[in-house]
């Protein structure tokens, strides 16, 4: 007598498990990207090893809105870093000279 054929896989369960795995990976990508925006060497390593395309995909697919916002901010920061490195900064992003700007408090006398 032949053994009974195996039961078909639970497709909803498999999909749910895959979503959990993917969301976990997305979370790691976004958290690494967010941390990397505070350190130039870490930022360069993130872009070299993971890349902005993977970060963008993680931002699009993660279910946590707060995490997606952090990822979007990191993605924007990396794009600004890249533009700065290429010399293509928006003039509105440049620092302005402070020469002639009085930064003393109301009760302080200017020096000099």
PDB file of N, CA and C in Angstrom:
ATOM      1  N   UNK A   1       0.825  -1.166   0.000  1.00  0.00           N
ATOM      2  CA  UNK A   1       0.000   0.000   0.000  1.00  0.00           C
ATOM      3  C   UNK A   1       0.887   1.254   0.000  1.00  0.00           C
ATOM      4  N   UNK A   2       0.595   2.192  -0.910  1.00  0.00           N
ATOM      5  CA  UNK A   2       1.391   3.409  -1.058  1.00  0.00           C
ATOM      6  C   UNK A   2       1.047   4.398   0.053  1.00  0.00           C
ATOM      7  N   UNK A   3       2.040   5.158   0.518  1.00  0.00           N
ATOM      8  CA  UNK A   3       1.761   6.154   1.564  1.00  0.00           C
ATOM      9  C   UNK A   3       0.882   7.270   1.003  1.00  0.00           C
ATOM     10  N   UNK A   4       0.150   7.879   1.901  1.00  0.00           N
ATOM     11  CA  UNK A   4      -0.696   9.012   1.505  1.00  0.00           C
ATOM     12  C   UNK A   4       0.192  10.166   1.030  1.00  0.00           C
ATOM     13  N   UNK A   5      -0.255  10.861  -0.002  1.00  0.00           N
ATOM     14  CA  UNK A   5       0.534  12.012  -0.460  1.00  0.00           C
ATOM     15  C   UNK A   5       0.535  13.093   0.617  1.00  0.00           C
ATOM     16  N   UNK A   6       1.595  13.883   0.678  1.00  0.00           N
ATOM     17  CA  UNK A   6       1.656  14.938   1.705  1.00  0.00           C
ATOM     18  C   UNK A   6       0.568  15.979   1.459  1.00  0.00           C
ATOM     19  N   UNK A   7       0.155  16.586   2.542  1.00  0.00           N
ATOM     20  CA  UNK A   7      -0.863  17.644   2.448  1.00  0.00           C
ATOM     21  C   UNK A   7      -0.253  18.852   1.742  1.00  0.00           C
ATOM     22  N   UNK A   8      -1.049  19.553   0.961  1.00  0.00           N
ATOM     23  CA  UNK A   8      -0.517  20.741   0.289  1.00  0.00           C
ATOM     24  C   UNK A   8      -0.088  21.774   1.333  1.00  0.00           C
ATOM     25  N   UNK A   9       0.923  22.560   1.014  1.00  0.00           N
ATOM     26  CA  UNK A   9       1.377  23.554   1.987  1.00  0.00           C
ATOM     27  C   UNK A   9       0.312  24.624   2.218  1.00  0.00           C
ATOM     28  N   UNK A  10       0.322  25.153   3.402  1.00  0.00           N
ATOM     29  CA  UNK A  10      -0.578  26.247   3.768  1.00  0.00           C
ATOM     30  C   UNK A  10      -0.014  27.530   3.160  1.00  0.00           C
ATOM     31  N   UNK A  11      -0.546  27.942   2.011  1.00  0.00           N
ATOM     32  CA  UNK A  11       0.034  29.086   1.296  1.00  0.00           C
ATOM     33  C   UNK A  11      -0.055  30.372   2.108  1.00  0.00           C
ATOM     34  N   UNK A  12      -1.140  30.568   2.844  1.00  0.00           N
ATOM     35  CA  UNK A  12      -1.259  31.782   3.662  1.00  0.00           C
ATOM     36  C   UNK A  12      -0.199  31.789   4.754  1.00  0.00           C
ATOM     37  N   UNK A  13       0.039  30.636   5.354  1.00  0.00           N
ATOM     38  CA  UNK A  13       1.061  30.536   6.387  1.00  0.00           C
ATOM     39  C   UNK A  13       2.451  30.779   5.832  1.00  0.00           C
ATOM     40  N   UNK A  14       2.708  30.231   4.650  1.00  0.00           N
ATOM     41  CA  UNK A  14       4.020  30.431   4.015  1.00  0.00           C
ATOM     42  C   UNK A  14       4.210  31.906   3.687  1.00  0.00           C
ATOM     43  N   UNK A  15       3.182  32.553   3.141  1.00  0.00           N
ATOM     44  CA  UNK A  15       3.281  33.977   2.812  1.00  0.00           C
ATOM     45  C   UNK A  15       3.515  34.818   4.061  1.00  0.00           C
ATOM     46  N   UNK A  16       2.822  34.491   5.135  1.00  0.00           N
ATOM     47  CA  UNK A  16       2.995  35.236   6.385  1.00  0.00           C
ATOM     48  C   UNK A  16       4.419  35.075   6.921  1.00  0.00           C
ATOM     49  N   UNK A  17       4.944  33.870   6.839  1.00  0.00           N
ATOM     50  CA  UNK A  17       6.316  33.628   7.297  1.00  0.00           C
ATOM     51  C   UNK A  17       7.327  34.395   6.455  1.00  0.00           C
ATOM     52  N   UNK A  18       7.117  34.410   5.150  1.00  0.00           N
ATOM     53  CA  UNK A  18       8.019  35.147   4.268  1.00  0.00           C
ATOM     54  C   UNK A  18       7.955  36.655   4.535  1.00  0.00           C
ATOM     55  N   UNK A  19       6.748  37.169   4.803  1.00  0.00           N
ATOM     56  CA  UNK A  19       6.607  38.586   5.137  1.00  0.00           C
ATOM     57  C   UNK A  19       7.376  38.919   6.408  1.00  0.00           C
ATOM     58  N   UNK A  20       7.297  38.053   7.404  1.00  0.00           N
ATOM     59  CA  UNK A  20       8.031  38.285   8.652  1.00  0.00           C
ATOM     60  C   UNK A  20       9.534  38.304   8.407  1.00  0.00           C
ATOM     61  N   UNK A  21      10.003  37.375   7.594  1.00  0.00           N
ATOM     62  CA  UNK A  21      11.430  37.350   7.277  1.00  0.00           C
ATOM     63  C   UNK A  21      11.849  38.615   6.532  1.00  0.00           C
ATOM     64  N   UNK A  22      11.068  38.992   5.551  1.00  0.00           N
ATOM     65  CA  UNK A  22      11.398  40.174   4.758  1.00  0.00           C
ATOM     66  C   UNK A  22      11.336  41.425   5.616  1.00  0.00           C
ATOM     67  N   UNK A  23      10.325  41.548   6.477  1.00  0.00           N
ATOM     68  CA  UNK A  23      10.195  42.723   7.325  1.00  0.00           C
ATOM     69  C   UNK A  23      11.371  42.806   8.285  1.00  0.00           C
ATOM     70  N   UNK A  24      11.826  41.673   8.782  1.00  0.00           N
ATOM     71  CA  UNK A  24      12.995  41.671   9.657  1.00  0.00           C
ATOM     72  C   UNK A  24      14.220  42.168   8.932  1.00  0.00           C
ATOM     73  N   UNK A  25      14.410  41.725   7.685  1.00  0.00           N
ATOM     74  CA  UNK A  25      15.532  42.199   6.878  1.00  0.00           C
ATOM     75  C   UNK A  25      15.399  43.690   6.584  1.00  0.00           C
ATOM     76  N   UNK A  26      14.181  44.130   6.268  1.00  0.00           N
ATOM     77  CA  UNK A  26      13.947  45.544   5.999  1.00  0.00           C
ATOM     78  C   UNK A  26      14.268  46.377   7.233  1.00  0.00           C
ATOM     79  N   UNK A  27      13.863  45.900   8.385  1.00  0.00           N
ATOM     80  CA  UNK A  27      14.131  46.601   9.645  1.00  0.00           C
ATOM     81  C   UNK A  27      15.638  46.755   9.845  1.00  0.00           C
ATOM     82  N   UNK A  28      16.385  45.688   9.621  1.00  0.00           N
ATOM     83  CA  UNK A  28      17.843  45.729   9.791  1.00  0.00           C
ATOM     84  C   UNK A  28      18.461  46.719   8.809  1.00  0.00           C
ATOM     85  N   UNK A  29      18.028  46.689   7.559  1.00  0.00           N
ATOM     86  CA  UNK A  29      18.565  47.601   6.541  1.00  0.00           C
ATOM     87  C   UNK A  29      18.313  49.046   6.957  1.00  0.00           C
ATOM     88  N   UNK A  30      17.099  49.354   7.379  1.00  0.00           N
ATOM     89  CA  UNK A  30      16.755  50.727   7.754  1.00  0.00           C
ATOM     90  C   UNK A  30      17.504  51.156   9.008  1.00  0.00           C
ATOM     91  N   UNK A  31      17.592  50.291   9.995  1.00  0.00           N
ATOM     92  CA  UNK A  31      18.307  50.644  11.224  1.00  0.00           C
ATOM     93  C   UNK A  31      19.794  50.883  10.946  1.00  0.00           C
ATOM     94  N   UNK A  32      20.402  50.048  10.083  1.00  0.00           N
ATOM     95  CA  UNK A  32      21.812  50.248   9.722  1.00  0.00           C
ATOM     96  C   UNK A  32      21.988  51.561   8.969  1.00  0.00           C
ATOM     97  N   UNK A  33      21.067  51.849   8.064  1.00  0.00           N
ATOM     98  CA  UNK A  33      21.149  53.090   7.289  1.00  0.00           C
ATOM     99  C   UNK A  33      21.013  54.300   8.202  1.00  0.00           C
ATOM    100  N   UNK A  34      20.055  54.250   9.111  1.00  0.00           N
ATOM    101  CA  UNK A  34      19.828  55.357  10.037  1.00  0.00           C
ATOM    102  C   UNK A  34      21.074  55.604  10.877  1.00  0.00           C
ATOM    103  N   UNK A  35      21.663  54.555  11.409  1.00  0.00           N
ATOM    104  CA  UNK A  35      22.882  54.695  12.218  1.00  0.00           C
ATOM    105  C   UNK A  35      24.042  55.209  11.369  1.00  0.00           C
ATOM    106  N   UNK A  36      24.117  54.791  10.124  1.00  0.00           N
ATOM    107  CA  UNK A  36      25.230  55.168   9.250  1.00  0.00           C
ATOM    108  C   UNK A  36      25.209  56.644   8.884  1.00  0.00           C
ATOM    109  N   UNK A  37      24.070  57.298   8.980  1.00  0.00           N
ATOM    110  CA  UNK A  37      24.012  58.719   8.623  1.00  0.00           C
ATOM    111  C   UNK A  37      24.768  59.589   9.617  1.00  0.00           C
ATOM    112  N   UNK A  38      25.140  59.040  10.758  1.00  0.00           N
ATOM    113  CA  UNK A  38      25.856  59.809  11.780  1.00  0.00           C
ATOM    114  C   UNK A  38      27.369  59.590  11.741  1.00  0.00           C
ATOM    115  N   UNK A  39      27.854  58.804  10.804  1.00  0.00           N
ATOM    116  CA  UNK A  39      29.280  58.505  10.733  1.00  0.00           C
ATOM    117  C   UNK A  39      29.673  58.339   9.270  1.00  0.00           C
ATOM    118  N   UNK A  40      30.606  59.143   8.817  1.00  0.00           N
ATOM    119  CA  UNK A  40      30.973  59.147   7.398  1.00  0.00           C
ATOM    120  C   UNK A  40      31.503  57.796   6.928  1.00  0.00           C
ATOM    121  N   UNK A  41      32.360  57.158   7.729  1.00  0.00           N
ATOM    122  CA  UNK A  41      32.886  55.848   7.331  1.00  0.00           C
ATOM    123  C   UNK A  41      31.777  54.805   7.257  1.00  0.00           C
ATOM    124  N   UNK A  42      30.861  54.833   8.234  1.00  0.00           N
ATOM    125  CA  UNK A  42      29.737  53.890   8.226  1.00  0.00           C
ATOM    126  C   UNK A  42      28.821  54.162   7.034  1.00  0.00           C
ATOM    127  N   UNK A  43      28.640  55.437   6.691  1.00  0.00           N
ATOM    128  CA  UNK A  43      27.804  55.793   5.539  1.00  0.00           C
ATOM    129  C   UNK A  43      28.411  55.239   4.250  1.00  0.00           C
ATOM    130  N   UNK A  44      29.716  55.422   4.090  1.00  0.00           N
ATOM    131  CA  UNK A  44      30.381  54.911   2.892  1.00  0.00           C
ATOM    132  C   UNK A  44      30.285  53.389   2.825  1.00  0.00           C
ATOM    133  N   UNK A  45      30.488  52.731   3.961  1.00  0.00           N
ATOM    134  CA  UNK A  45      30.389  51.266   3.987  1.00  0.00           C
ATOM    135  C   UNK A  45      28.976  50.798   3.670  1.00  0.00           C
ATOM    136  N   UNK A  46      27.968  51.487   4.217  1.00  0.00           N
ATOM    137  CA  UNK A  46      26.581  51.103   3.942  1.00  0.00           C
ATOM    138  C   UNK A  46      26.284  51.195   2.453  1.00  0.00           C
ATOM    139  N   UNK A  47      26.679  52.297   1.829  1.00  0.00           N
ATOM    140  CA  UNK A  47      26.404  52.484   0.401  1.00  0.00           C
ATOM    141  C   UNK A  47      27.138  51.437  -0.431  1.00  0.00           C
ATOM    142  N   UNK A  48      28.370  51.115  -0.036  1.00  0.00           N
ATOM    143  CA  UNK A  48      29.158  50.120  -0.779  1.00  0.00           C
ATOM    144  C   UNK A  48      28.586  48.710  -0.632  1.00  0.00           C
ATOM    145  N   UNK A  49      28.173  48.343   0.578  1.00  0.00           N
ATOM    146  CA  UNK A  49      27.761  46.953   0.827  1.00  0.00           C
ATOM    147  C   UNK A  49      26.272  46.708   0.618  1.00  0.00           C
ATOM    148  N   UNK A  50      25.449  47.680   0.959  1.00  0.00           N
ATOM    149  CA  UNK A  50      24.002  47.478   0.874  1.00  0.00           C
ATOM    150  C   UNK A  50      23.410  48.233  -0.307  1.00  0.00           C
ATOM    151  N   UNK A  51      23.676  49.508  -0.375  1.00  0.00           N
ATOM    152  CA  UNK A  51      23.230  50.319  -1.499  1.00  0.00           C
ATOM    153  C   UNK A  51      21.902  51.015  -1.251  1.00  0.00           C
ATOM    154  N   UNK A  52      21.715  52.080  -1.994  1.00  0.00           N
ATOM    155  CA  UNK A  52      20.514  52.887  -1.833  1.00  0.00           C
ATOM    156  C   UNK A  52      19.275  52.221  -2.422  1.00  0.00           C
ATOM    157  N   UNK A  53      19.458  51.384  -3.436  1.00  0.00           N
ATOM    158  CA  UNK A  53      18.299  50.684  -4.009  1.00  0.00           C
ATOM    159  C   UNK A  53      17.675  49.748  -2.989  1.00  0.00           C
ATOM    160  N   UNK A  54      18.519  49.041  -2.238  1.00  0.00           N
ATOM    161  CA  UNK A  54      17.988  48.131  -1.219  1.00  0.00           C
ATOM    162  C   UNK A  54      17.329  48.912  -0.091  1.00  0.00           C
ATOM    163  N   UNK A  55      17.907  50.042   0.276  1.00  0.00           N
ATOM    164  CA  UNK A  55      17.285  50.893   1.299  1.00  0.00           C
ATOM    165  C   UNK A  55      15.930  51.399   0.820  1.00  0.00           C
ATOM    166  N   UNK A  56      15.861  51.853  -0.419  1.00  0.00           N
ATOM    167  CA  UNK A  56      14.589  52.341  -0.970  1.00  0.00           C
ATOM    168  C   UNK A  56      13.542  51.228  -0.985  1.00  0.00           C
ATOM    169  N   UNK A  57      13.946  50.025  -1.344  1.00  0.00           N
ATOM    170  CA  UNK A  57      13.008  48.894  -1.351  1.00  0.00           C
ATOM    171  C   UNK A  57      12.538  48.574   0.064  1.00  0.00           C
ATOM    172  N   UNK A  58      13.438  48.659   1.037  1.00  0.00           N
ATOM    173  CA  UNK A  58      13.065  48.393   2.434  1.00  0.00           C
ATOM    174  C   UNK A  58      12.071  49.431   2.922  1.00  0.00           C
ATOM    175  N   UNK A  59      12.294  50.686   2.571  1.00  0.00           N
ATOM    176  CA  UNK A  59      11.380  51.762   2.981  1.00  0.00           C
ATOM    177  C   UNK A  59       9.993  51.516   2.390  1.00  0.00           C
ATOM    178  N   UNK A  60       9.945  51.089   1.138  1.00  0.00           N
ATOM    179  CA  UNK A  60       8.661  50.847   0.476  1.00  0.00           C
ATOM    180  C   UNK A  60       7.905  49.657   1.062  1.00  0.00           C
ATOM    181  N   UNK A  61       8.619  48.651   1.530  1.00  0.00           N
ATOM    182  CA  UNK A  61       7.929  47.418   1.924  1.00  0.00           C
ATOM    183  C   UNK A  61       7.733  47.237   3.420  1.00  0.00           C
ATOM    184  N   UNK A  62       8.383  48.043   4.250  1.00  0.00           N
ATOM    185  CA  UNK A  62       8.242  47.860   5.697  1.00  0.00           C
ATOM    186  C   UNK A  62       6.844  48.308   6.142  1.00  0.00           C
ATOM    187  N   UNK A  63       6.280  47.589   7.112  1.00  0.00           N
ATOM    188  CA  UNK A  63       4.921  47.886   7.574  1.00  0.00           C
ATOM    189  C   UNK A  63       4.864  48.948   8.674  1.00  0.00           C
ATOM    190  N   UNK A  64       5.955  49.188   9.359  1.00  0.00           N
ATOM    191  CA  UNK A  64       6.000  50.128  10.480  1.00  0.00           C
ATOM    192  C   UNK A  64       6.189  51.555   9.939  1.00  0.00           C
ATOM    193  N   UNK A  65       5.191  52.445  10.099  1.00  0.00           N
ATOM    194  CA  UNK A  65       5.299  53.796   9.534  1.00  0.00           C
ATOM    195  C   UNK A  65       6.453  54.609  10.130  1.00  0.00           C
ATOM    196  N   UNK A  66       6.729  54.436  11.426  1.00  0.00           N
ATOM    197  CA  UNK A  66       7.833  55.165  12.040  1.00  0.00           C
ATOM    198  C   UNK A  66       9.171  54.718  11.457  1.00  0.00           C
ATOM    199  N   UNK A  67       9.312  53.419  11.278  1.00  0.00           N
ATOM    200  CA  UNK A  67      10.536  52.872  10.693  1.00  0.00           C
ATOM    201  C   UNK A  67      10.675  53.323   9.239  1.00  0.00           C
ATOM    202  N   UNK A  68       9.570  53.347   8.517  1.00  0.00           N
ATOM    203  CA  UNK A  68       9.595  53.804   7.123  1.00  0.00           C
ATOM    204  C   UNK A  68      10.033  55.270   7.056  1.00  0.00           C
ATOM    205  N   UNK A  69       9.577  56.080   8.001  1.00  0.00           N
ATOM    206  CA  UNK A  69       9.967  57.493   8.035  1.00  0.00           C
ATOM    207  C   UNK A  69      11.469  57.636   8.313  1.00  0.00           C
ATOM    208  N   UNK A  70      11.988  56.842   9.262  1.00  0.00           N
ATOM    209  CA  UNK A  70      13.429  56.858   9.546  1.00  0.00           C
ATOM    210  C   UNK A  70      14.219  56.448   8.305  1.00  0.00           C
ATOM    211  N   UNK A  71      13.728  55.433   7.609  1.00  0.00           N
ATOM    212  CA  UNK A  71      14.393  54.984   6.398  1.00  0.00           C
ATOM    213  C   UNK A  71      14.366  56.042   5.309  1.00  0.00           C
ATOM    214  N   UNK A  72      13.251  56.730   5.190  1.00  0.00           N
ATOM    215  CA  UNK A  72      13.125  57.782   4.181  1.00  0.00           C
ATOM    216  C   UNK A  72      14.068  58.941   4.494  1.00  0.00           C
ATOM    217  N   UNK A  73      14.183  59.290   5.784  1.00  0.00           N
ATOM    218  CA  UNK A  73      15.128  60.351   6.168  1.00  0.00           C
ATOM    219  C   UNK A  73      16.563  59.928   5.861  1.00  0.00           C
ATOM    220  N   UNK A  74      16.890  58.667   6.147  1.00  0.00           N
ATOM    221  CA  UNK A  74      18.241  58.172   5.857  1.00  0.00           C
ATOM    222  C   UNK A  74      18.500  58.194   4.352  1.00  0.00           C
ATOM    223  N   UNK A  75      17.524  57.776   3.571  1.00  0.00           N
ATOM    224  CA  UNK A  75      17.676  57.780   2.118  1.00  0.00           C
ATOM    225  C   UNK A  75      17.914  59.203   1.611  1.00  0.00           C
ATOM    226  N   UNK A  76      17.172  60.161   2.136  1.00  0.00           N
ATOM    227  CA  UNK A  76      17.376  61.564   1.750  1.00  0.00           C
ATOM    228  C   UNK A  76      18.771  62.045   2.137  1.00  0.00           C
ATOM    229  N   UNK A  77      19.219  61.649   3.322  1.00  0.00           N
ATOM    230  CA  UNK A  77      20.563  62.047   3.770  1.00  0.00           C
ATOM    231  C   UNK A  77      21.629  61.469   2.846  1.00  0.00           C
ATOM    232  N   UNK A  78      21.496  60.198   2.476  1.00  0.00           N
ATOM    233  CA  UNK A  78      22.481  59.586   1.579  1.00  0.00           C
ATOM    234  C   UNK A  78      22.479  60.281   0.217  1.00  0.00           C
ATOM    235  N   UNK A  79      21.321  60.670  -0.249  1.00  0.00           N
ATOM    236  CA  UNK A  79      21.259  61.375  -1.542  1.00  0.00           C
ATOM    237  C   UNK A  79      21.930  62.743  -1.439  1.00  0.00           C
ATOM    238  N   UNK A  80      21.759  63.431  -0.286  1.00  0.00           N
ATOM    239  CA  UNK A  80      22.444  64.709  -0.084  1.00  0.00           C
ATOM    240  C   UNK A  80      23.956  64.499   0.010  1.00  0.00           C
ATOM    241  N   UNK A  81      24.382  63.422   0.702  1.00  0.00           N
ATOM    242  CA  UNK A  81      25.811  63.113   0.792  1.00  0.00           C
ATOM    243  C   UNK A  81      26.390  62.933  -0.609  1.00  0.00           C
ATOM    244  N   UNK A  82      25.675  62.181  -1.428  1.00  0.00           N
ATOM    245  CA  UNK A  82      26.150  61.905  -2.787  1.00  0.00           C
ATOM    246  C   UNK A  82      26.222  63.195  -3.605  1.00  0.00           C
ATOM    247  N   UNK A  83      25.213  64.050  -3.474  1.00  0.00           N
ATOM    248  CA  UNK A  83      25.213  65.322  -4.196  1.00  0.00           C
ATOM    249  C   UNK A  83      26.361  66.209  -3.718  1.00  0.00           C
ATOM    250  N   UNK A  84      26.620  66.223  -2.421  1.00  0.00           N
ATOM    251  CA  UNK A  84      27.718  67.031  -1.886  1.00  0.00           C
ATOM    252  C   UNK A  84      29.058  66.521  -2.409  1.00  0.00           C
ATOM    253  N   UNK A  85      29.225  65.219  -2.445  1.00  0.00           N
ATOM    254  CA  UNK A  85      30.480  64.640  -2.935  1.00  0.00           C
ATOM    255  C   UNK A  85      30.702  64.962  -4.407  1.00  0.00           C
ATOM    256  N   UNK A  86      29.617  65.096  -5.152  1.00  0.00           N
ATOM    257  CA  UNK A  86      29.718  65.398  -6.576  1.00  0.00           C
ATOM    258  C   UNK A  86      29.718  66.903  -6.844  1.00  0.00           C
ATOM    259  N   UNK A  87      29.600  67.703  -5.780  1.00  0.00           N
ATOM    260  CA  UNK A  87      29.589  69.155  -5.938  1.00  0.00           C
ATOM    261  C   UNK A  87      28.277  69.699  -6.444  1.00  0.00           C
ATOM    262  N   UNK A  88      27.197  68.973  -6.232  1.00  0.00           N
ATOM    263  CA  UNK A  88      25.882  69.401  -6.724  1.00  0.00           C
ATOM    264  C   UNK A  88      24.938  69.719  -5.572  1.00  0.00           C
ATOM    265  N   UNK A  89      25.336  70.565  -4.661  1.00  0.00           N
ATOM    266  CA  UNK A  89      24.458  70.920  -3.549  1.00  0.00           C
ATOM    267  C   UNK A  89      23.479  72.003  -3.956  1.00  0.00           C
ATOM    268  N   UNK A  90      22.320  71.948  -3.392  1.00  0.00           N
ATOM    269  CA  UNK A  90      21.326  72.995  -3.553  1.00  0.00           C
ATOM    270  C   UNK A  90      21.841  74.223  -2.798  1.00  0.00           C
ATOM    271  N   UNK A  91      21.835  75.396  -3.420  1.00  0.00           N
ATOM    272  CA  UNK A  91      22.333  76.594  -2.718  1.00  0.00           C
ATOM    273  C   UNK A  91      21.633  76.834  -1.384  1.00  0.00           C
ATOM    274  N   UNK A  92      20.398  76.394  -1.240  1.00  0.00           N
ATOM    275  CA  UNK A  92      19.688  76.587   0.017  1.00  0.00           C
ATOM    276  C   UNK A  92      20.261  75.722   1.136  1.00  0.00           C
ATOM    277  N   UNK A  93      21.044  74.694   0.791  1.00  0.00           N
ATOM    278  CA  UNK A  93      21.638  73.821   1.794  1.00  0.00           C
ATOM    279  C   UNK A  93      22.978  74.330   2.311  1.00  0.00           C
ATOM    280  N   UNK A  94      23.545  75.349   1.688  1.00  0.00           N
ATOM    281  CA  UNK A  94      24.861  75.838   2.089  1.00  0.00           C
ATOM    282  C   UNK A  94      24.764  76.664   3.360  1.00  0.00           C
ATOM    283  N   UNK A  95      25.836  76.630   4.135  1.00  0.00           N
ATOM    284  CA  UNK A  95      25.918  77.482   5.305  1.00  0.00           C
ATOM    285  C   UNK A  95      26.161  78.909   4.854  1.00  0.00           C
ATOM    286  N   UNK A  96      25.673  79.835   5.623  1.00  0.00           N
ATOM    287  CA  UNK A  96      25.885  81.246   5.332  1.00  0.00           C
ATOM    288  C   UNK A  96      26.960  81.779   6.276  1.00  0.00           C
ATOM    289  N   UNK A  97      27.645  82.773   5.803  1.00  0.00           N
ATOM    290  CA  UNK A  97      28.670  83.402   6.616  1.00  0.00           C
ATOM    291  C   UNK A  97      28.027  84.039   7.836  1.00  0.00           C
ATOM    292  N   UNK A  98      28.676  83.913   8.969  1.00  0.00           N
ATOM    293  CA  UNK A  98      28.178  84.522  10.197  1.00  0.00           C
ATOM    294  C   UNK A  98      28.795  85.878  10.453  1.00  0.00           C
ATOM    295  N   UNK A  99      29.705  86.307   9.553  1.00  0.00           N
ATOM    296  CA  UNK A  99      30.377  87.588   9.741  1.00  0.00           C
ATOM    297  C   UNK A  99      29.349  88.717   9.814  1.00  0.00           C
ATOM    298  N   UNK A 100      29.458  89.506  10.872  1.00  0.00           N
ATOM    299  CA  UNK A 100      28.545  90.634  11.046  1.00  0.00           C
ATOM    300  C   UNK A 100      27.253  90.265  11.743  1.00  0.00           C
ATOM    301  N   UNK A 101      27.065  89.000  12.091  1.00  0.00           N
ATOM    302  CA  UNK A 101      25.850  88.568  12.769  1.00  0.00           C
ATOM    303  C   UNK A 101      26.065  88.655  14.270  1.00  0.00           C
ATOM    304  N   UNK A 102      25.236  89.411  14.940  1.00  0.00           N
ATOM    305  CA  UNK A 102      25.339  89.568  16.384  1.00  0.00           C
ATOM    306  C   UNK A 102      24.666  88.383  17.071  1.00  0.00           C
ATOM    307  N   UNK A 103      25.453  87.590  17.790  1.00  0.00           N
ATOM    308  CA  UNK A 103      24.895  86.422  18.475  1.00  0.00           C
ATOM    309  C   UNK A 103      24.906  86.594  19.987  1.00  0.00           C
ATOM    310  N   UNK A 104      25.174  87.829  20.427  1.00  0.00           N
ATOM    311  CA  UNK A 104      25.145  88.071  21.869  1.00  0.00           C
ATOM    312  C   UNK A 104      23.713  88.095  22.350  1.00  0.00           C
ATOM    313  N   UNK A 105      23.551  87.788  23.616  1.00  0.00           N
ATOM    314  CA  UNK A 105      22.222  87.863  24.220  1.00  0.00           C
ATOM    315  C   UNK A 105      21.851  89.312  24.473  1.00  0.00           C
ATOM    316  N   UNK A 106      20.614  89.555  24.825  1.00  0.00           N
ATOM    317  CA  UNK A 106      20.122  90.918  25.042  1.00  0.00           C
ATOM    318  C   UNK A 106      20.871  91.622  26.168  1.00  0.00           C
ATOM    319  N   UNK A 107      21.339  90.866  27.154  1.00  0.00           N
ATOM    320  CA  UNK A 107      22.008  91.476  28.290  1.00  0.00           C
ATOM    321  C   UNK A 107      23.533  91.424  28.172  1.00  0.00           C
ATOM    322  N   UNK A 108      24.060  91.053  27.009  1.00  0.00           N
ATOM    323  CA  UNK A 108      25.505  90.960  26.800  1.00  0.00           C
ATOM    324  C   UNK A 108      25.980  92.113  25.923  1.00  0.00           C
ATOM    325  N   UNK A 109      27.228  92.501  26.147  1.00  0.00           N
ATOM    326  CA  UNK A 109      27.835  93.528  25.319  1.00  0.00           C
ATOM    327  C   UNK A 109      28.705  92.856  24.272  1.00  0.00           C
ATOM    328  N   UNK A 110      28.668  93.316  23.048  1.00  0.00           N
ATOM    329  CA  UNK A 110      29.551  92.748  22.022  1.00  0.00           C
ATOM    330  C   UNK A 110      31.013  92.950  22.407  1.00  0.00           C
ATOM    331  N   UNK A 111      31.833  91.955  22.066  1.00  0.00           N
ATOM    332  CA  UNK A 111      33.258  92.083  22.356  1.00  0.00           C
ATOM    333  C   UNK A 111      33.930  92.869  21.252  1.00  0.00           C
ATOM    334  N   UNK A 112      35.042  93.512  21.600  1.00  0.00           N
ATOM    335  CA  UNK A 112      35.875  94.168  20.602  1.00  0.00           C
ATOM    336  C   UNK A 112      35.437  95.475  20.270  1.00  0.00           C
TER     337      UNK A 112
END
